[in-house]
Amino acid sequence: MSDWVEACAAGDIDEEDVMRFDHDGRTFAIYRSPDNDYFATDGLCTHEKVHLADGLVMDDIIECPKHNGRFNYKTGAARGAPVCVNLRTYPVKVDAGKVLVQIG
């Protein structure tokens, strides 16, 4: 089983926003939903490897800043052209005000 890794403080991300998190040579995106829940996906778009943390979050959608492809950040599902490959998602929990991601 993989370890939980501290990504950030819960207050570091505004509601309906995303931030970049780099760990062990990999890039992740950490999201805070309008319902104050936290989610994590791979941090690069599956279309052209652009950083999703530079994108726009609306409800449960992250829009890539390069070609406006969209993903559901809760499920990783590709939701709009030109993206057609889903994002990998990761379990997230909040403990003592810290956002932890299970990377495996």
Protein backbone atom coordinates (compact mmCIF):
# COMPACT_ATOMS: atom_id res chain seq x y z
CA MET A 1 0.00 0.00 0.00
CA SER A 2 1.25 3.46 -0.87
CA ASP A 3 1.91 6.13 1.70
CA TRP A 4 -0.11 9.29 2.12
CA VAL A 5 1.85 12.38 1.06
CA GLU A 6 1.16 15.89 2.32
CA ALA A 7 0.30 18.08 -0.68
CA CYS A 8 -0.63 21.37 0.98
CA ALA A 9 -2.63 22.99 3.75
CA ALA A 10 -6.39 22.81 3.25
CA GLY A 11 -6.57 26.62 3.23
CA ASP A 12 -4.02 26.92 0.43
CA ILE A 13 -6.68 26.20 -2.22
CA ASP A 14 -9.73 28.40 -2.69
CA GLU A 15 -13.10 26.78 -3.34
CA GLU A 16 -13.55 25.87 -7.01
CA ASP A 17 -9.82 26.14 -7.68
CA VAL A 18 -6.77 23.99 -8.45
CA MET A 19 -3.11 24.00 -7.49
CA ARG A 20 -0.04 22.18 -8.72
CA PHE A 21 1.75 19.66 -6.52
CA ASP A 22 5.06 18.07 -7.50
CA HIS A 23 6.32 14.94 -5.78
CA ASP A 24 9.06 12.45 -6.64
CA GLY A 25 9.43 13.68 -10.22
CA ARG A 26 5.69 13.67 -10.93
CA THR A 27 3.13 16.47 -11.23
CA PHE A 28 -0.33 16.34 -9.70
CA ALA A 29 -3.28 18.71 -9.56
CA ILE A 30 -5.14 19.22 -6.28
CA TYR A 31 -8.71 20.56 -6.46
CA ARG A 32 -11.15 22.03 -3.95
CA SER A 33 -14.75 21.65 -5.02
CA PRO A 34 -17.57 24.16 -4.39
CA ASP A 35 -18.73 21.69 -1.69
CA ASN A 36 -15.37 22.05 0.11
CA ASP A 37 -14.19 18.55 -0.83
CA TYR A 38 -10.68 17.83 -2.13
CA PHE A 39 -9.63 15.77 -5.15
CA ALA A 40 -6.37 14.90 -6.94
CA THR A 41 -5.50 13.92 -10.51
CA ASP A 42 -2.41 13.69 -12.64
CA GLY A 43 -1.26 17.24 -13.19
CA LEU A 44 -0.72 17.15 -16.94
CA CYS A 45 -3.37 17.11 -19.65
CA THR A 46 -3.52 13.78 -21.47
CA HIS A 47 -3.65 15.60 -24.82
CA GLU A 48 -0.41 17.63 -24.88
CA LYS A 49 1.00 17.41 -21.34
CA VAL A 50 0.14 20.98 -20.33
CA HIS A 51 -0.09 21.78 -16.60
CA LEU A 52 -3.73 21.61 -15.55
CA ALA A 53 -3.07 23.88 -12.56
CA ASP A 54 -2.98 26.75 -15.08
CA GLY A 55 -6.52 25.84 -16.20
CA LEU A 56 -9.98 26.98 -15.21
CA VAL A 57 -12.14 25.12 -12.68
CA MET A 58 -15.93 25.28 -13.01
CA ASP A 59 -18.06 23.07 -10.75
CA ASP A 60 -16.47 19.59 -11.17
CA ILE A 61 -14.67 20.37 -14.46
CA ILE A 62 -11.05 21.38 -15.08
CA GLU A 63 -10.46 23.02 -18.46
CA CYS A 64 -6.97 22.71 -19.95
CA PRO A 65 -5.45 26.13 -20.67
CA LYS A 66 -3.98 25.13 -24.06
CA HIS A 67 -6.81 23.67 -26.17
CA ASN A 68 -9.72 23.94 -23.72
CA GLY A 69 -10.15 20.19 -23.33
CA ARG A 70 -12.18 19.35 -20.25
CA PHE A 71 -12.05 16.66 -17.56
CA ASN A 72 -14.25 15.81 -14.61
CA TYR A 73 -11.66 16.13 -11.84
CA LYS A 74 -13.72 13.96 -9.46
CA THR A 75 -13.69 10.93 -11.78
CA GLY A 76 -10.91 11.78 -14.26
CA ALA A 77 -13.32 11.33 -17.18
CA ALA A 78 -12.48 13.19 -20.40
CA ARG A 79 -15.44 15.52 -21.05
CA GLY A 80 -14.55 17.61 -24.09
CA ALA A 81 -12.48 17.54 -27.24
CA PRO A 82 -9.64 17.41 -27.98
CA VAL A 83 -9.03 15.23 -24.90
CA CYS A 84 -10.14 11.62 -25.18
CA VAL A 85 -7.92 9.87 -22.59
CA ASN A 86 -9.09 10.04 -18.97
CA LEU A 87 -6.95 11.45 -16.16
CA ARG A 88 -5.76 9.20 -13.36
CA THR A 89 -7.27 10.14 -10.01
CA TYR A 90 -5.88 9.62 -6.51
CA PRO A 91 -7.49 9.22 -3.07
CA VAL A 92 -7.41 12.38 -0.94
CA LYS A 93 -8.08 13.00 2.73
CA VAL A 94 -7.80 16.01 5.01
CA ASP A 95 -6.16 15.45 8.37
CA ALA A 96 -5.36 18.20 10.89
CA GLY A 97 -5.81 20.87 8.22
CA LYS A 98 -3.46 19.17 5.74
CA VAL A 99 -4.47 17.77 2.35
CA LEU A 100 -2.96 14.29 1.92
CA VAL A 101 -2.80 12.37 -1.35
CA GLN A 102 -2.31 8.63 -1.66
CA ILE A 103 0.18 8.24 -4.48
CA GLY A 104 0.70 4.79 -5.87
